[in-house]
């Protein structure tokens, strides 16, 4: 493979994101990915929760999942969390994990994703 072909392939692959455009009404903001606690689907919209509030995103969850760095992990069909924002885990529930994020937000890992989360966290 020539260097030109490799450069072309690399340019076509989605790059990791540093900023995500988020909206509150008619106001747009660029959200730093490190500030995002979680991404979730609600009422046919994708939302990003940060310490500063909730923003609506134009991208779909599966698109974000593909482009975000490894610190973001899907925990259910409709939710992706930033593992760097996890403040605590409750493993006492049968078959699921209760996650507490920075700021006190609580979310639950669905049974389908428990194994993946345990592997990502090394537990």
N, C-alpha and C. Protein backbone atom coordinates (compact mmCIF):
# COMPACT_ATOMS: atom_id res chain seq x y z
N UNK A 1 0.86 -1.17 0.00
CA UNK A 1 0.00 0.00 0.00
C UNK A 1 0.91 1.23 0.00
N UNK A 2 0.64 2.12 -0.92
CA UNK A 2 1.46 3.33 -1.02
C UNK A 2 1.07 4.33 0.07
N UNK A 3 1.97 5.25 0.41
CA UNK A 3 1.65 6.26 1.43
C UNK A 3 0.44 7.12 1.04
N UNK A 4 0.26 7.35 -0.25
CA UNK A 4 -0.88 8.16 -0.70
C UNK A 4 -2.20 7.44 -0.43
N UNK A 5 -2.23 6.14 -0.71
CA UNK A 5 -3.45 5.35 -0.47
C UNK A 5 -3.74 5.29 1.02
N UNK A 6 -2.71 5.08 1.84
CA UNK A 6 -2.90 5.04 3.29
C UNK A 6 -3.44 6.38 3.80
N UNK A 7 -2.90 7.49 3.31
CA UNK A 7 -3.37 8.81 3.72
C UNK A 7 -4.83 9.01 3.33
N UNK A 8 -5.21 8.54 2.15
CA UNK A 8 -6.60 8.65 1.70
C UNK A 8 -7.53 7.83 2.58
N UNK A 9 -7.14 6.61 2.91
CA UNK A 9 -7.95 5.76 3.79
C UNK A 9 -8.10 6.40 5.16
N UNK A 10 -7.00 6.91 5.71
CA UNK A 10 -7.04 7.56 7.02
C UNK A 10 -7.95 8.78 7.01
N UNK A 11 -7.95 9.52 5.90
CA UNK A 11 -8.80 10.72 5.84
C UNK A 11 -10.28 10.37 5.75
N UNK A 12 -10.61 9.18 5.24
CA UNK A 12 -12.00 8.77 5.12
C UNK A 12 -12.55 8.18 6.42
N UNK A 13 -11.68 7.70 7.29
CA UNK A 13 -12.14 7.13 8.56
C UNK A 13 -12.46 8.26 9.52
N UNK A 14 -13.55 8.12 10.28
CA UNK A 14 -13.91 9.19 11.21
C UNK A 14 -12.85 9.35 12.29
N UNK A 15 -12.49 10.59 12.54
CA UNK A 15 -11.49 10.89 13.57
C UNK A 15 -12.17 10.97 14.93
N UNK A 16 -11.39 10.77 15.96
CA UNK A 16 -11.93 10.93 17.32
C UNK A 16 -12.34 12.39 17.50
N UNK A 17 -13.37 12.59 18.25
CA UNK A 17 -13.92 13.93 18.44
C UNK A 17 -13.29 14.60 19.66
N UNK A 18 -13.12 15.92 19.58
CA UNK A 18 -12.70 16.71 20.74
C UNK A 18 -13.86 17.56 21.22
N UNK A 19 -14.67 18.03 20.28
CA UNK A 19 -15.81 18.89 20.58
C UNK A 19 -17.05 18.35 19.88
N UNK A 20 -18.19 18.53 20.53
CA UNK A 20 -19.46 18.12 19.95
C UNK A 20 -20.40 19.32 20.01
N UNK A 21 -21.04 19.67 18.89
CA UNK A 21 -22.01 20.77 18.96
C UNK A 21 -23.28 20.34 19.68
N UNK A 22 -23.68 21.12 20.66
CA UNK A 22 -24.90 20.86 21.42
C UNK A 22 -25.82 22.06 21.37
N UNK A 23 -27.11 21.84 21.51
CA UNK A 23 -28.09 22.91 21.37
C UNK A 23 -29.01 22.96 22.58
N UNK A 24 -29.32 24.19 22.98
CA UNK A 24 -30.37 24.47 23.98
C UNK A 24 -31.27 25.49 23.32
N UNK A 25 -32.41 25.03 22.86
CA UNK A 25 -33.28 25.92 22.11
C UNK A 25 -32.57 26.36 20.84
N UNK A 26 -32.45 27.68 20.63
CA UNK A 26 -31.78 28.19 19.44
C UNK A 26 -30.30 28.50 19.69
N UNK A 27 -29.83 28.26 20.90
CA UNK A 27 -28.43 28.54 21.25
C UNK A 27 -27.57 27.30 21.05
N UNK A 28 -26.46 27.47 20.33
CA UNK A 28 -25.54 26.36 20.09
C UNK A 28 -24.28 26.55 20.93
N UNK A 29 -23.73 25.44 21.41
CA UNK A 29 -22.49 25.45 22.18
C UNK A 29 -21.62 24.29 21.72
N UNK A 30 -20.30 24.47 21.83
CA UNK A 30 -19.39 23.38 21.56
C UNK A 30 -19.03 22.74 22.89
N UNK A 31 -19.38 21.47 23.03
CA UNK A 31 -19.17 20.74 24.28
C UNK A 31 -17.85 19.97 24.21
N UNK A 32 -17.00 20.15 25.21
CA UNK A 32 -15.77 19.36 25.29
C UNK A 32 -16.16 17.94 25.72
N UNK A 33 -15.61 16.96 25.04
CA UNK A 33 -16.03 15.59 25.33
C UNK A 33 -15.71 15.18 26.77
N UNK A 34 -14.65 15.73 27.34
CA UNK A 34 -14.32 15.38 28.72
C UNK A 34 -15.34 15.89 29.72
N UNK A 35 -16.12 16.91 29.34
CA UNK A 35 -17.12 17.47 30.24
C UNK A 35 -18.45 16.72 30.18
N UNK A 36 -18.59 15.82 29.22
CA UNK A 36 -19.85 15.09 29.04
C UNK A 36 -19.92 13.93 30.03
N UNK A 37 -21.00 13.88 30.81
CA UNK A 37 -21.23 12.78 31.74
C UNK A 37 -21.78 11.57 31.02
N UNK A 38 -22.82 11.82 30.20
CA UNK A 38 -23.47 10.72 29.49
C UNK A 38 -24.18 11.26 28.26
N UNK A 39 -24.45 10.36 27.35
CA UNK A 39 -25.23 10.63 26.14
C UNK A 39 -26.40 9.65 26.17
N UNK A 40 -27.59 10.14 25.88
CA UNK A 40 -28.74 9.25 25.96
C UNK A 40 -29.83 9.69 24.99
N UNK A 41 -30.65 8.72 24.61
CA UNK A 41 -31.78 8.98 23.75
C UNK A 41 -33.03 9.20 24.58
N UNK A 42 -33.78 10.24 24.22
CA UNK A 42 -35.02 10.54 24.94
C UNK A 42 -35.98 11.25 23.98
N UNK A 43 -37.18 10.75 23.86
CA UNK A 43 -38.19 11.34 22.97
C UNK A 43 -37.67 11.57 21.56
N UNK A 44 -37.01 10.56 21.00
CA UNK A 44 -36.48 10.59 19.64
C UNK A 44 -35.40 11.64 19.43
N UNK A 45 -34.77 12.09 20.51
CA UNK A 45 -33.65 13.02 20.43
C UNK A 45 -32.47 12.43 21.18
N UNK A 46 -31.27 12.84 20.79
CA UNK A 46 -30.07 12.44 21.52
C UNK A 46 -29.64 13.62 22.36
N UNK A 47 -29.41 13.36 23.65
CA UNK A 47 -29.04 14.42 24.59
C UNK A 47 -27.68 14.13 25.19
N UNK A 48 -26.97 15.21 25.52
CA UNK A 48 -25.69 15.11 26.23
C UNK A 48 -25.86 15.81 27.56
N UNK A 49 -25.55 15.11 28.63
CA UNK A 49 -25.63 15.71 29.96
C UNK A 49 -24.22 16.08 30.40
N UNK A 50 -24.05 17.35 30.78
CA UNK A 50 -22.79 17.84 31.31
C UNK A 50 -23.04 18.40 32.70
N UNK A 51 -22.00 18.85 33.36
CA UNK A 51 -22.17 19.50 34.65
C UNK A 51 -22.97 20.78 34.54
N UNK A 52 -23.00 21.36 33.34
CA UNK A 52 -23.71 22.61 33.11
C UNK A 52 -25.12 22.45 32.59
N UNK A 53 -25.59 21.23 32.43
CA UNK A 53 -26.95 21.02 31.96
C UNK A 53 -27.04 20.01 30.84
N UNK A 54 -28.21 19.97 30.22
CA UNK A 54 -28.50 19.00 29.15
C UNK A 54 -28.59 19.73 27.82
N UNK A 55 -27.95 19.16 26.81
CA UNK A 55 -27.93 19.71 25.47
C UNK A 55 -28.47 18.67 24.49
N UNK A 56 -29.14 19.13 23.45
CA UNK A 56 -29.62 18.25 22.39
C UNK A 56 -28.55 18.17 21.31
N UNK A 57 -28.34 16.98 20.78
CA UNK A 57 -27.35 16.77 19.73
C UNK A 57 -28.03 16.39 18.43
N UNK A 58 -27.37 16.66 17.32
CA UNK A 58 -27.90 16.30 16.01
C UNK A 58 -27.51 14.88 15.60
N UNK A 59 -26.41 14.37 16.13
CA UNK A 59 -25.91 13.04 15.76
C UNK A 59 -26.71 11.94 16.43
N UNK A 60 -26.65 10.76 15.89
CA UNK A 60 -27.28 9.57 16.46
C UNK A 60 -26.32 8.91 17.44
N UNK A 61 -26.86 8.14 18.37
CA UNK A 61 -26.01 7.47 19.37
C UNK A 61 -24.98 6.55 18.72
N UNK A 62 -25.38 5.77 17.73
CA UNK A 62 -24.45 4.84 17.12
C UNK A 62 -23.32 5.58 16.41
N UNK A 63 -23.60 6.76 15.84
CA UNK A 63 -22.56 7.56 15.20
C UNK A 63 -21.57 8.08 16.24
N UNK A 64 -22.10 8.56 17.35
CA UNK A 64 -21.25 9.05 18.43
C UNK A 64 -20.41 7.93 19.01
N UNK A 65 -21.01 6.77 19.21
CA UNK A 65 -20.30 5.62 19.77
C UNK A 65 -19.09 5.26 18.92
N UNK A 66 -19.23 5.35 17.61
CA UNK A 66 -18.14 5.02 16.70
C UNK A 66 -17.02 6.06 16.73
N UNK A 67 -17.36 7.32 16.98
CA UNK A 67 -16.37 8.39 16.88
C UNK A 67 -15.76 8.82 18.20
N UNK A 68 -16.41 8.51 19.31
CA UNK A 68 -15.90 8.94 20.61
C UNK A 68 -14.75 8.03 21.06
N UNK A 69 -13.86 8.56 21.91
CA UNK A 69 -12.75 7.75 22.40
C UNK A 69 -13.22 6.64 23.34
N UNK A 70 -12.32 5.75 23.70
CA UNK A 70 -12.63 4.56 24.49
C UNK A 70 -13.19 4.81 25.87
N UNK A 71 -13.05 6.03 26.39
CA UNK A 71 -13.61 6.33 27.71
C UNK A 71 -15.13 6.34 27.70
N UNK A 72 -15.74 6.39 26.52
CA UNK A 72 -17.20 6.35 26.38
C UNK A 72 -17.63 4.93 26.05
N UNK A 73 -18.53 4.40 26.89
CA UNK A 73 -18.96 3.01 26.73
C UNK A 73 -20.48 2.94 26.80
N UNK A 74 -21.05 2.16 25.90
CA UNK A 74 -22.50 1.98 25.90
C UNK A 74 -22.89 1.10 27.08
N UNK A 75 -23.92 1.54 27.82
CA UNK A 75 -24.39 0.75 28.96
C UNK A 75 -25.80 0.22 28.75
N UNK A 76 -26.47 0.71 27.71
CA UNK A 76 -27.80 0.20 27.36
C UNK A 76 -28.08 0.60 25.92
N UNK A 77 -29.20 0.17 25.42
CA UNK A 77 -29.58 0.49 24.05
C UNK A 77 -29.64 2.00 23.82
N UNK A 78 -29.99 2.75 24.85
CA UNK A 78 -30.21 4.19 24.68
C UNK A 78 -29.27 5.07 25.50
N UNK A 79 -28.13 4.52 25.98
CA UNK A 79 -27.26 5.34 26.82
C UNK A 79 -25.79 4.95 26.70
N UNK A 80 -24.95 5.99 26.65
CA UNK A 80 -23.50 5.86 26.62
C UNK A 80 -22.97 6.73 27.76
N UNK A 81 -22.03 6.20 28.55
CA UNK A 81 -21.47 6.99 29.66
C UNK A 81 -19.98 7.21 29.46
N UNK A 82 -19.50 8.30 30.07
CA UNK A 82 -18.09 8.62 30.11
C UNK A 82 -17.52 7.95 31.36
N UNK A 83 -16.69 6.93 31.20
CA UNK A 83 -16.17 6.19 32.35
C UNK A 83 -15.34 7.07 33.28
N UNK A 84 -14.78 8.16 32.76
CA UNK A 84 -14.00 9.07 33.60
C UNK A 84 -14.89 9.90 34.53
N UNK A 85 -16.19 9.86 34.30
CA UNK A 85 -17.13 10.61 35.13
C UNK A 85 -17.89 9.71 36.11
N UNK A 86 -17.52 8.44 36.18
CA UNK A 86 -18.19 7.51 37.10
C UNK A 86 -17.64 7.73 38.50
N UNK A 87 -18.53 8.06 39.43
CA UNK A 87 -18.14 8.31 40.83
C UNK A 87 -18.28 7.05 41.68
N UNK A 88 -19.20 6.15 41.32
CA UNK A 88 -19.40 4.95 42.12
C UNK A 88 -20.18 3.89 41.39
N UNK A 89 -20.01 2.65 41.84
CA UNK A 89 -20.71 1.51 41.26
C UNK A 89 -21.36 0.70 42.37
N UNK A 90 -22.56 0.23 42.12
CA UNK A 90 -23.24 -0.66 43.06
C UNK A 90 -23.46 -1.98 42.33
N UNK A 91 -22.69 -2.99 42.73
CA UNK A 91 -22.75 -4.30 42.08
C UNK A 91 -23.70 -5.25 42.80
N UNK A 92 -24.38 -4.77 43.84
CA UNK A 92 -25.22 -5.66 44.65
C UNK A 92 -26.53 -6.04 43.96
N UNK A 93 -26.92 -5.31 42.94
CA UNK A 93 -28.15 -5.63 42.23
C UNK A 93 -27.96 -6.90 41.41
N UNK A 94 -28.96 -7.71 41.36
CA UNK A 94 -28.88 -8.98 40.65
C UNK A 94 -28.90 -8.77 39.14
N UNK A 95 -27.77 -9.04 38.49
CA UNK A 95 -27.72 -9.01 37.03
C UNK A 95 -27.50 -7.66 36.40
N UNK A 96 -27.35 -6.61 37.16
CA UNK A 96 -27.12 -5.30 36.59
C UNK A 96 -26.17 -4.51 37.48
N UNK A 97 -25.76 -3.35 37.04
CA UNK A 97 -24.87 -2.48 37.80
C UNK A 97 -25.52 -1.10 37.88
N UNK A 98 -25.51 -0.53 39.06
CA UNK A 98 -26.01 0.83 39.26
C UNK A 98 -24.80 1.76 39.26
N UNK A 99 -24.77 2.73 38.33
CA UNK A 99 -23.66 3.67 38.23
C UNK A 99 -24.10 5.02 38.77
N UNK A 100 -23.24 5.62 39.58
CA UNK A 100 -23.45 6.99 40.02
C UNK A 100 -22.38 7.83 39.34
N UNK A 101 -22.81 8.84 38.61
CA UNK A 101 -21.89 9.71 37.89
C UNK A 101 -21.57 10.94 38.72
N UNK A 102 -20.55 11.66 38.32
CA UNK A 102 -20.21 12.92 38.98
C UNK A 102 -21.45 13.80 38.95
N UNK A 103 -21.75 14.47 40.05
CA UNK A 103 -22.95 15.28 40.12
C UNK A 103 -24.15 14.53 40.65
N UNK A 104 -24.02 13.21 40.88
CA UNK A 104 -25.10 12.45 41.48
C UNK A 104 -26.07 11.77 40.54
N UNK A 105 -25.91 11.92 39.25
CA UNK A 105 -26.80 11.24 38.30
C UNK A 105 -26.62 9.73 38.42
N UNK A 106 -27.74 9.02 38.48
CA UNK A 106 -27.72 7.56 38.60
C UNK A 106 -28.22 6.95 37.30
N UNK A 107 -27.50 5.95 36.81
CA UNK A 107 -27.96 5.21 35.63
C UNK A 107 -27.65 3.74 35.84
N UNK A 108 -28.30 2.91 35.05
CA UNK A 108 -28.20 1.46 35.22
C UNK A 108 -27.65 0.81 33.96
N UNK A 109 -26.74 -0.12 34.16
CA UNK A 109 -26.19 -0.90 33.05
C UNK A 109 -27.16 -2.04 32.78
N UNK A 110 -27.62 -2.15 31.55
CA UNK A 110 -28.53 -3.25 31.23
C UNK A 110 -27.76 -4.57 31.25
N UNK A 111 -28.46 -5.66 31.47
CA UNK A 111 -27.82 -6.98 31.58
C UNK A 111 -26.98 -7.31 30.36
N UNK A 112 -27.43 -6.87 29.22
CA UNK A 112 -26.73 -7.15 27.97
C UNK A 112 -25.32 -6.56 27.95
N UNK A 113 -25.10 -5.45 28.67
CA UNK A 113 -23.82 -4.74 28.62
C UNK A 113 -22.98 -4.91 29.89
N UNK A 114 -23.44 -5.68 30.87
CA UNK A 114 -22.72 -5.83 32.13
C UNK A 114 -21.32 -6.40 31.91
N UNK A 115 -21.20 -7.45 31.12
CA UNK A 115 -19.90 -8.08 30.88
C UNK A 115 -18.93 -7.09 30.25
N UNK A 116 -19.39 -6.34 29.28
CA UNK A 116 -18.55 -5.36 28.60
C UNK A 116 -18.07 -4.28 29.58
N UNK A 117 -18.94 -3.82 30.46
CA UNK A 117 -18.58 -2.79 31.43
C UNK A 117 -17.57 -3.34 32.43
N UNK A 118 -17.80 -4.55 32.91
CA UNK A 118 -16.85 -5.16 33.85
C UNK A 118 -15.47 -5.30 33.23
N UNK A 119 -15.43 -5.69 31.96
CA UNK A 119 -14.14 -5.80 31.27
C UNK A 119 -13.48 -4.43 31.12
N UNK A 120 -14.26 -3.42 30.77
CA UNK A 120 -13.71 -2.07 30.59
C UNK A 120 -13.17 -1.51 31.89
N UNK A 121 -13.81 -1.85 33.00
CA UNK A 121 -13.39 -1.34 34.31
C UNK A 121 -12.40 -2.27 35.02
N UNK A 122 -12.20 -3.46 34.48
CA UNK A 122 -11.27 -4.41 35.08
C UNK A 122 -11.78 -5.03 36.37
N UNK A 123 -13.10 -5.26 36.44
CA UNK A 123 -13.68 -5.88 37.65
C UNK A 123 -14.33 -7.21 37.32
